[in-house]
């Protein structure tokens, strides 16, 4: 009883949201970027991108390739140096 009288008039507002969480899938791009893999002279696979220079989405394609290159460099830096920014300056 004492607790009910002390908190009389105070109400907690709770919003419950129920939603289906969809998995993050890479969406299909409409651009002209094509990812290719070839063997280099030493026998290792090399991944590269080709872009159609006459594409109407050239700006978006260049941005996409640039962002993919940055992701790759950051992953490599994390493996080599333990930081995405590369080696620490002394």
PDB file of N, CA and C in Angstrom:
ATOM      1  N   UNK A   1       0.812  -1.197   0.000  1.00  0.00           N
ATOM      2  CA  UNK A   1       0.000   0.000   0.000  1.00  0.00           C
ATOM      3  C   UNK A   1       0.852   1.255   0.000  1.00  0.00           C
ATOM      4  N   UNK A   2       1.900   1.263   0.792  1.00  0.00           N
ATOM      5  CA  UNK A   2       2.739   2.452   0.890  1.00  0.00           C
ATOM      6  C   UNK A   2       3.390   2.767  -0.447  1.00  0.00           C
ATOM      7  N   UNK A   3       3.779   1.737  -1.170  1.00  0.00           N
ATOM      8  CA  UNK A   3       4.429   1.941  -2.466  1.00  0.00           C
ATOM      9  C   UNK A   3       3.421   2.493  -3.468  1.00  0.00           C
ATOM     10  N   UNK A   4       2.219   1.983  -3.455  1.00  0.00           N
ATOM     11  CA  UNK A   4       1.197   2.451  -4.384  1.00  0.00           C
ATOM     12  C   UNK A   4       0.852   3.913  -4.124  1.00  0.00           C
ATOM     13  N   UNK A   5       0.807   4.333  -2.876  1.00  0.00           N
ATOM     14  CA  UNK A   5       0.486   5.717  -2.555  1.00  0.00           C
ATOM     15  C   UNK A   5       1.638   6.647  -2.927  1.00  0.00           C
ATOM     16  N   UNK A   6       2.859   6.154  -2.781  1.00  0.00           N
ATOM     17  CA  UNK A   6       4.021   6.985  -3.068  1.00  0.00           C
ATOM     18  C   UNK A   6       4.115   7.301  -4.565  1.00  0.00           C
ATOM     19  N   UNK A   7       3.782   6.333  -5.408  1.00  0.00           N
ATOM     20  CA  UNK A   7       3.887   6.508  -6.854  1.00  0.00           C
ATOM     21  C   UNK A   7       2.541   6.783  -7.507  1.00  0.00           C
ATOM     22  N   UNK A   8       1.594   7.196  -6.723  1.00  0.00           N
ATOM     23  CA  UNK A   8       0.269   7.468  -7.262  1.00  0.00           C
ATOM     24  C   UNK A   8       0.348   8.654  -8.234  1.00  0.00           C
ATOM     25  N   UNK A   9      -0.205   8.467  -9.415  1.00  0.00           N
ATOM     26  CA  UNK A   9      -0.194   9.528 -10.412  1.00  0.00           C
ATOM     27  C   UNK A   9       0.981   9.445 -11.369  1.00  0.00           C
ATOM     28  N   UNK A  10       1.973   8.591 -11.104  1.00  0.00           N
ATOM     29  CA  UNK A  10       3.111   8.437 -12.017  1.00  0.00           C
ATOM     30  C   UNK A  10       2.903   7.188 -12.861  1.00  0.00           C
ATOM     31  N   UNK A  11       3.040   7.344 -14.129  1.00  0.00           N
ATOM     32  CA  UNK A  11       2.861   6.215 -15.039  1.00  0.00           C
ATOM     33  C   UNK A  11       4.101   6.089 -15.924  1.00  0.00           C
ATOM     34  N   UNK A  12       4.524   4.901 -16.123  1.00  0.00           N
ATOM     35  CA  UNK A  12       5.636   4.651 -17.041  1.00  0.00           C
ATOM     36  C   UNK A  12       5.068   4.462 -18.441  1.00  0.00           C
ATOM     37  N   UNK A  13       5.688   5.112 -19.394  1.00  0.00           N
ATOM     38  CA  UNK A  13       5.253   4.993 -20.773  1.00  0.00           C
ATOM     39  C   UNK A  13       6.196   4.023 -21.471  1.00  0.00           C
ATOM     40  N   UNK A  14       5.611   2.989 -22.012  1.00  0.00           N
ATOM     41  CA  UNK A  14       6.406   1.975 -22.685  1.00  0.00           C
ATOM     42  C   UNK A  14       5.866   1.802 -24.092  1.00  0.00           C
ATOM     43  N   UNK A  15       6.731   1.968 -25.047  1.00  0.00           N
ATOM     44  CA  UNK A  15       6.358   1.719 -26.433  1.00  0.00           C
ATOM     45  C   UNK A  15       6.994   0.408 -26.850  1.00  0.00           C
ATOM     46  N   UNK A  16       6.200  -0.502 -27.325  1.00  0.00           N
ATOM     47  CA  UNK A  16       6.699  -1.788 -27.786  1.00  0.00           C
ATOM     48  C   UNK A  16       6.590  -1.803 -29.299  1.00  0.00           C
ATOM     49  N   UNK A  17       7.710  -2.034 -29.940  1.00  0.00           N
ATOM     50  CA  UNK A  17       7.743  -2.081 -31.387  1.00  0.00           C
ATOM     51  C   UNK A  17       8.146  -3.480 -31.809  1.00  0.00           C
ATOM     52  N   UNK A  18       7.309  -4.100 -32.604  1.00  0.00           N
ATOM     53  CA  UNK A  18       7.590  -5.432 -33.098  1.00  0.00           C
ATOM     54  C   UNK A  18       7.792  -5.324 -34.596  1.00  0.00           C
ATOM     55  N   UNK A  19       8.982  -5.719 -35.035  1.00  0.00           N
ATOM     56  CA  UNK A  19       9.279  -5.633 -36.465  1.00  0.00           C
ATOM     57  C   UNK A  19      10.162  -6.795 -36.860  1.00  0.00           C
ATOM     58  N   UNK A  20      10.036  -7.185 -38.092  1.00  0.00           N
ATOM     59  CA  UNK A  20      10.876  -8.242 -38.628  1.00  0.00           C
ATOM     60  C   UNK A  20      12.205  -7.632 -39.046  1.00  0.00           C
ATOM     61  N   UNK A  21      13.279  -8.206 -38.582  1.00  0.00           N
ATOM     62  CA  UNK A  21      14.600  -7.711 -38.922  1.00  0.00           C
ATOM     63  C   UNK A  21      15.082  -8.475 -40.148  1.00  0.00           C
ATOM     64  N   UNK A  22      15.227  -7.767 -41.230  1.00  0.00           N
ATOM     65  CA  UNK A  22      15.664  -8.396 -42.477  1.00  0.00           C
ATOM     66  C   UNK A  22      17.185  -8.465 -42.504  1.00  0.00           C
ATOM     67  N   UNK A  23      17.698  -9.495 -43.117  1.00  0.00           N
ATOM     68  CA  UNK A  23      19.148  -9.612 -43.236  1.00  0.00           C
ATOM     69  C   UNK A  23      19.647  -8.568 -44.222  1.00  0.00           C
ATOM     70  N   UNK A  24      20.883  -8.134 -43.984  1.00  0.00           N
ATOM     71  CA  UNK A  24      21.469  -7.126 -44.858  1.00  0.00           C
ATOM     72  C   UNK A  24      22.058  -7.825 -46.078  1.00  0.00           C
ATOM     73  N   UNK A  25      21.422  -7.653 -47.168  1.00  0.00           N
ATOM     74  CA  UNK A  25      21.913  -8.224 -48.413  1.00  0.00           C
ATOM     75  C   UNK A  25      22.428  -7.089 -49.276  1.00  0.00           C
ATOM     76  N   UNK A  26      23.445  -7.395 -50.043  1.00  0.00           N
ATOM     77  CA  UNK A  26      23.912  -6.382 -50.980  1.00  0.00           C
ATOM     78  C   UNK A  26      22.854  -6.205 -52.051  1.00  0.00           C
ATOM     79  N   UNK A  27      22.486  -4.985 -52.243  1.00  0.00           N
ATOM     80  CA  UNK A  27      21.469  -4.739 -53.243  1.00  0.00           C
ATOM     81  C   UNK A  27      22.114  -4.776 -54.628  1.00  0.00           C
ATOM     82  N   UNK A  28      21.341  -5.144 -55.570  1.00  0.00           N
ATOM     83  CA  UNK A  28      21.817  -5.223 -56.945  1.00  0.00           C
ATOM     84  C   UNK A  28      22.014  -3.811 -57.486  1.00  0.00           C
ATOM     85  N   UNK A  29      23.155  -3.575 -58.086  1.00  0.00           N
ATOM     86  CA  UNK A  29      23.443  -2.256 -58.616  1.00  0.00           C
ATOM     87  C   UNK A  29      23.052  -2.203 -60.083  1.00  0.00           C
ATOM     88  N   UNK A  30      22.628  -1.041 -60.521  1.00  0.00           N
ATOM     89  CA  UNK A  30      22.274  -0.840 -61.917  1.00  0.00           C
ATOM     90  C   UNK A  30      23.438  -0.270 -62.708  1.00  0.00           C
ATOM     91  N   UNK A  31      24.571  -0.037 -62.072  1.00  0.00           N
ATOM     92  CA  UNK A  31      25.711   0.596 -62.720  1.00  0.00           C
ATOM     93  C   UNK A  31      26.444  -0.341 -63.659  1.00  0.00           C
ATOM     94  N   UNK A  32      27.527   0.176 -64.190  1.00  0.00           N
ATOM     95  CA  UNK A  32      28.287  -0.574 -65.183  1.00  0.00           C
ATOM     96  C   UNK A  32      29.588  -1.123 -64.616  1.00  0.00           C
ATOM     97  N   UNK A  33      29.706  -1.241 -63.304  1.00  0.00           N
ATOM     98  CA  UNK A  33      30.920  -1.769 -62.690  1.00  0.00           C
ATOM     99  C   UNK A  33      30.892  -3.286 -62.771  1.00  0.00           C
ATOM    100  N   UNK A  34      31.974  -3.859 -63.302  1.00  0.00           N
ATOM    101  CA  UNK A  34      32.099  -5.303 -63.405  1.00  0.00           C
ATOM    102  C   UNK A  34      33.350  -5.720 -62.640  1.00  0.00           C
ATOM    103  N   UNK A  35      33.192  -6.673 -61.748  1.00  0.00           N
ATOM    104  CA  UNK A  35      34.322  -7.170 -60.964  1.00  0.00           C
ATOM    105  C   UNK A  35      34.897  -8.387 -61.681  1.00  0.00           C
ATOM    106  N   UNK A  36      36.199  -8.362 -61.923  1.00  0.00           N
ATOM    107  CA  UNK A  36      36.857  -9.455 -62.631  1.00  0.00           C
ATOM    108  C   UNK A  36      38.012  -9.986 -61.809  1.00  0.00           C
ATOM    109  N   UNK A  37      38.346 -11.254 -62.065  1.00  0.00           N
ATOM    110  CA  UNK A  37      39.495 -11.884 -61.408  1.00  0.00           C
ATOM    111  C   UNK A  37      40.359 -12.531 -62.481  1.00  0.00           C
ATOM    112  N   UNK A  38      41.646 -12.234 -62.447  1.00  0.00           N
ATOM    113  CA  UNK A  38      42.599 -12.808 -63.397  1.00  0.00           C
ATOM    114  C   UNK A  38      43.810 -13.290 -62.626  1.00  0.00           C
ATOM    115  N   UNK A  39      44.591 -14.137 -63.238  1.00  0.00           N
ATOM    116  CA  UNK A  39      45.853 -14.581 -62.642  1.00  0.00           C
ATOM    117  C   UNK A  39      46.958 -13.620 -63.040  1.00  0.00           C
ATOM    118  N   UNK A  40      47.789 -13.266 -62.066  1.00  0.00           N
ATOM    119  CA  UNK A  40      48.921 -12.396 -62.355  1.00  0.00           C
ATOM    120  C   UNK A  40      50.094 -13.249 -62.857  1.00  0.00           C
ATOM    121  N   UNK A  41      51.206 -12.615 -63.152  1.00  0.00           N
ATOM    122  CA  UNK A  41      52.375 -13.316 -63.685  1.00  0.00           C
ATOM    123  C   UNK A  41      52.928 -14.327 -62.687  1.00  0.00           C
ATOM    124  N   UNK A  42      52.775 -14.062 -61.392  1.00  0.00           N
ATOM    125  CA  UNK A  42      53.282 -14.996 -60.381  1.00  0.00           C
ATOM    126  C   UNK A  42      52.260 -16.067 -59.999  1.00  0.00           C
ATOM    127  N   UNK A  43      51.106 -16.101 -60.669  1.00  0.00           N
ATOM    128  CA  UNK A  43      50.130 -17.160 -60.463  1.00  0.00           C
ATOM    129  C   UNK A  43      49.038 -16.870 -59.449  1.00  0.00           C
ATOM    130  N   UNK A  44      49.100 -15.725 -58.792  1.00  0.00           N
ATOM    131  CA  UNK A  44      48.064 -15.384 -57.814  1.00  0.00           C
ATOM    132  C   UNK A  44      46.886 -14.721 -58.515  1.00  0.00           C
ATOM    133  N   UNK A  45      45.693 -14.860 -57.908  1.00  0.00           N
ATOM    134  CA  UNK A  45      44.525 -14.182 -58.452  1.00  0.00           C
ATOM    135  C   UNK A  45      44.565 -12.708 -58.077  1.00  0.00           C
ATOM    136  N   UNK A  46      44.210 -11.875 -59.026  1.00  0.00           N
ATOM    137  CA  UNK A  46      44.130 -10.436 -58.820  1.00  0.00           C
ATOM    138  C   UNK A  46      42.704 -10.014 -59.156  1.00  0.00           C
ATOM    139  N   UNK A  47      42.104  -9.248 -58.259  1.00  0.00           N
ATOM    140  CA  UNK A  47      40.739  -8.775 -58.451  1.00  0.00           C
ATOM    141  C   UNK A  47      40.793  -7.328 -58.913  1.00  0.00           C
ATOM    142  N   UNK A  48      40.007  -6.989 -59.916  1.00  0.00           N
ATOM    143  CA  UNK A  48      39.951  -5.612 -60.373  1.00  0.00           C
ATOM    144  C   UNK A  48      38.565  -5.310 -60.909  1.00  0.00           C
ATOM    145  N   UNK A  49      38.287  -4.034 -61.091  1.00  0.00           N
ATOM    146  CA  UNK A  49      36.992  -3.570 -61.554  1.00  0.00           C
ATOM    147  C   UNK A  49      37.142  -2.922 -62.922  1.00  0.00           C
ATOM    148  N   UNK A  50      36.156  -3.110 -63.763  1.00  0.00           N
ATOM    149  CA  UNK A  50      36.105  -2.384 -65.033  1.00  0.00           C
ATOM    150  C   UNK A  50      34.859  -1.509 -65.021  1.00  0.00           C
ATOM    151  N   UNK A  51      34.985  -0.345 -65.640  1.00  0.00           N
ATOM    152  CA  UNK A  51      33.891   0.628 -65.678  1.00  0.00           C
ATOM    153  C   UNK A  51      33.673   1.046 -67.118  1.00  0.00           C
ATOM    154  N   UNK A  52      32.427   1.165 -67.503  1.00  0.00           N
ATOM    155  CA  UNK A  52      32.087   1.674 -68.821  1.00  0.00           C
ATOM    156  C   UNK A  52      32.172   3.192 -68.775  1.00  0.00           C
ATOM    157  N   UNK A  53      33.073   3.755 -69.558  1.00  0.00           N
ATOM    158  CA  UNK A  53      33.276   5.203 -69.557  1.00  0.00           C
ATOM    159  C   UNK A  53      32.121   5.979 -70.140  1.00  0.00           C
ATOM    160  N   UNK A  54      31.280   5.339 -70.928  1.00  0.00           N
ATOM    161  CA  UNK A  54      30.141   6.025 -71.548  1.00  0.00           C
ATOM    162  C   UNK A  54      28.846   5.819 -70.777  1.00  0.00           C
ATOM    163  N   UNK A  55      28.939   5.253 -69.590  1.00  0.00           N
ATOM    164  CA  UNK A  55      27.756   4.969 -68.795  1.00  0.00           C
ATOM    165  C   UNK A  55      27.135   6.255 -68.263  1.00  0.00           C
ATOM    166  N   UNK A  56      25.826   6.236 -68.115  1.00  0.00           N
ATOM    167  CA  UNK A  56      25.140   7.403 -67.539  1.00  0.00           C
ATOM    168  C   UNK A  56      25.358   7.470 -66.030  1.00  0.00           C
ATOM    169  N   UNK A  57      25.786   6.371 -65.433  1.00  0.00           N
ATOM    170  CA  UNK A  57      26.018   6.323 -63.980  1.00  0.00           C
ATOM    171  C   UNK A  57      27.510   6.342 -63.659  1.00  0.00           C
ATOM    172  N   UNK A  58      28.308   6.988 -64.501  1.00  0.00           N
ATOM    173  CA  UNK A  58      29.763   6.978 -64.330  1.00  0.00           C
ATOM    174  C   UNK A  58      30.185   7.524 -62.966  1.00  0.00           C
ATOM    175  N   UNK A  59      29.592   8.607 -62.535  1.00  0.00           N
ATOM    176  CA  UNK A  59      29.942   9.201 -61.242  1.00  0.00           C
ATOM    177  C   UNK A  59      29.669   8.225 -60.097  1.00  0.00           C
ATOM    178  N   UNK A  60      28.507   7.583 -60.108  1.00  0.00           N
ATOM    179  CA  UNK A  60      28.171   6.607 -59.072  1.00  0.00           C
ATOM    180  C   UNK A  60      29.096   5.392 -59.147  1.00  0.00           C
ATOM    181  N   UNK A  61      29.448   4.985 -60.365  1.00  0.00           N
ATOM    182  CA  UNK A  61      30.342   3.840 -60.536  1.00  0.00           C
ATOM    183  C   UNK A  61      31.729   4.132 -59.972  1.00  0.00           C
ATOM    184  N   UNK A  62      32.252   5.302 -60.247  1.00  0.00           N
ATOM    185  CA  UNK A  62      33.570   5.676 -59.715  1.00  0.00           C
ATOM    186  C   UNK A  62      33.540   5.761 -58.191  1.00  0.00           C
ATOM    187  N   UNK A  63      32.458   6.291 -57.656  1.00  0.00           N
ATOM    188  CA  UNK A  63      32.321   6.374 -56.201  1.00  0.00           C
ATOM    189  C   UNK A  63      32.270   4.974 -55.594  1.00  0.00           C
ATOM    190  N   UNK A  64      31.534   4.071 -56.240  1.00  0.00           N
ATOM    191  CA  UNK A  64      31.428   2.691 -55.754  1.00  0.00           C
ATOM    192  C   UNK A  64      32.794   2.010 -55.744  1.00  0.00           C
ATOM    193  N   UNK A  65      33.550   2.141 -56.830  1.00  0.00           N
ATOM    194  CA  UNK A  65      34.870   1.515 -56.911  1.00  0.00           C
ATOM    195  C   UNK A  65      35.819   2.136 -55.888  1.00  0.00           C
ATOM    196  N   UNK A  66      35.766   3.436 -55.707  1.00  0.00           N
ATOM    197  CA  UNK A  66      36.615   4.102 -54.722  1.00  0.00           C
ATOM    198  C   UNK A  66      36.320   3.589 -53.315  1.00  0.00           C
ATOM    199  N   UNK A  67      35.036   3.477 -52.968  1.00  0.00           N
ATOM    200  CA  UNK A  67      34.669   2.994 -51.636  1.00  0.00           C
ATOM    201  C   UNK A  67      35.115   1.545 -51.438  1.00  0.00           C
ATOM    202  N   UNK A  68      34.999   0.716 -52.460  1.00  0.00           N
ATOM    203  CA  UNK A  68      35.458  -0.677 -52.358  1.00  0.00           C
ATOM    204  C   UNK A  68      36.968  -0.732 -52.161  1.00  0.00           C
ATOM    205  N   UNK A  69      37.706   0.135 -52.851  1.00  0.00           N
ATOM    206  CA  UNK A  69      39.160   0.178 -52.678  1.00  0.00           C
ATOM    207  C   UNK A  69      39.532   0.603 -51.265  1.00  0.00           C
ATOM    208  N   UNK A  70      38.833   1.582 -50.730  1.00  0.00           N
ATOM    209  CA  UNK A  70      39.101   2.040 -49.361  1.00  0.00           C
ATOM    210  C   UNK A  70      38.813   0.922 -48.366  1.00  0.00           C
ATOM    211  N   UNK A  71      37.710   0.182 -48.557  1.00  0.00           N
ATOM    212  CA  UNK A  71      37.405  -0.950 -47.673  1.00  0.00           C
ATOM    213  C   UNK A  71      38.520  -1.981 -47.706  1.00  0.00           C
ATOM    214  N   UNK A  72      39.029  -2.266 -48.893  1.00  0.00           N
ATOM    215  CA  UNK A  72      40.102  -3.244 -49.044  1.00  0.00           C
ATOM    216  C   UNK A  72      41.372  -2.786 -48.321  1.00  0.00           C
ATOM    217  N   UNK A  73      41.744  -1.531 -48.510  1.00  0.00           N
ATOM    218  CA  UNK A  73      42.956  -0.999 -47.864  1.00  0.00           C
ATOM    219  C   UNK A  73      42.816  -1.019 -46.350  1.00  0.00           C
ATOM    220  N   UNK A  74      41.644  -0.673 -45.838  1.00  0.00           N
ATOM    221  CA  UNK A  74      41.443  -0.680 -44.386  1.00  0.00           C
ATOM    222  C   UNK A  74      41.527  -2.089 -43.817  1.00  0.00           C
ATOM    223  N   UNK A  75      40.970  -3.079 -44.531  1.00  0.00           N
ATOM    224  CA  UNK A  75      41.087  -4.472 -44.070  1.00  0.00           C
ATOM    225  C   UNK A  75      42.546  -4.913 -44.042  1.00  0.00           C
ATOM    226  N   UNK A  76      43.305  -4.565 -45.071  1.00  0.00           N
ATOM    227  CA  UNK A  76      44.718  -4.932 -45.124  1.00  0.00           C
ATOM    228  C   UNK A  76      45.507  -4.232 -44.011  1.00  0.00           C
ATOM    229  N   UNK A  77      45.234  -2.953 -43.774  1.00  0.00           N
ATOM    230  CA  UNK A  77      45.912  -2.236 -42.691  1.00  0.00           C
ATOM    231  C   UNK A  77      45.591  -2.853 -41.333  1.00  0.00           C
ATOM    232  N   UNK A  78      44.344  -3.271 -41.143  1.00  0.00           N
ATOM    233  CA  UNK A  78      43.959  -3.900 -39.876  1.00  0.00           C
ATOM    234  C   UNK A  78      44.740  -5.188 -39.667  1.00  0.00           C
ATOM    235  N   UNK A  79      44.914  -5.973 -40.727  1.00  0.00           N
ATOM    236  CA  UNK A  79      45.677  -7.220 -40.624  1.00  0.00           C
ATOM    237  C   UNK A  79      47.151  -6.950 -40.333  1.00  0.00           C
ATOM    238  N   UNK A  80      47.733  -5.977 -41.034  1.00  0.00           N
ATOM    239  CA  UNK A  80      49.172  -5.728 -40.929  1.00  0.00           C
ATOM    240  C   UNK A  80      49.570  -4.948 -39.677  1.00  0.00           C
ATOM    241  N   UNK A  81      48.814  -3.895 -39.364  1.00  0.00           N
ATOM    242  CA  UNK A  81      49.228  -2.960 -38.326  1.00  0.00           C
ATOM    243  C   UNK A  81      48.325  -2.948 -37.101  1.00  0.00           C
ATOM    244  N   UNK A  82      47.168  -3.605 -37.159  1.00  0.00           N
ATOM    245  CA  UNK A  82      46.243  -3.591 -36.032  1.00  0.00           C
ATOM    246  C   UNK A  82      45.407  -2.328 -35.962  1.00  0.00           C
ATOM    247  N   UNK A  83      45.488  -1.504 -36.990  1.00  0.00           N
ATOM    248  CA  UNK A  83      44.725  -0.256 -37.050  1.00  0.00           C
ATOM    249  C   UNK A  83      44.324  -0.007 -38.491  1.00  0.00           C
ATOM    250  N   UNK A  84      43.136   0.513 -38.699  1.00  0.00           N
ATOM    251  CA  UNK A  84      42.699   0.783 -40.066  1.00  0.00           C
ATOM    252  C   UNK A  84      43.421   1.964 -40.681  1.00  0.00           C
ATOM    253  N   UNK A  85      44.076   2.787 -39.848  1.00  0.00           N
ATOM    254  CA  UNK A  85      44.764   3.988 -40.339  1.00  0.00           C
ATOM    255  C   UNK A  85      46.215   3.737 -40.690  1.00  0.00           C
ATOM    256  N   UNK A  86      46.691   2.505 -40.583  1.00  0.00           N
ATOM    257  CA  UNK A  86      48.073   2.206 -40.941  1.00  0.00           C
ATOM    258  C   UNK A  86      48.977   2.287 -39.726  1.00  0.00           C
ATOM    259  N   UNK A  87      50.292   2.292 -39.966  1.00  0.00           N
ATOM    260  CA  UNK A  87      51.230   2.311 -38.832  1.00  0.00           C
ATOM    261  C   UNK A  87      51.182   3.634 -38.085  1.00  0.00           C
ATOM    262  N   UNK A  88      51.475   3.549 -36.800  1.00  0.00           N
ATOM    263  CA  UNK A  88      51.471   4.760 -35.979  1.00  0.00           C
ATOM    264  C   UNK A  88      52.736   5.562 -36.213  1.00  0.00           C
ATOM    265  N   UNK A  89      52.584   6.874 -36.227  1.00  0.00           N
ATOM    266  CA  UNK A  89      53.745   7.757 -36.385  1.00  0.00           C
ATOM    267  C   UNK A  89      54.471   7.869 -35.050  1.00  0.00           C
ATOM    268  N   UNK A  90      55.774   7.912 -35.130  1.00  0.00           N
ATOM    269  CA  UNK A  90      56.556   8.016 -33.877  1.00  0.00           C
ATOM    270  C   UNK A  90      57.135   9.376 -33.694  1.00  0.00           C
TER     271      UNK A  90
END
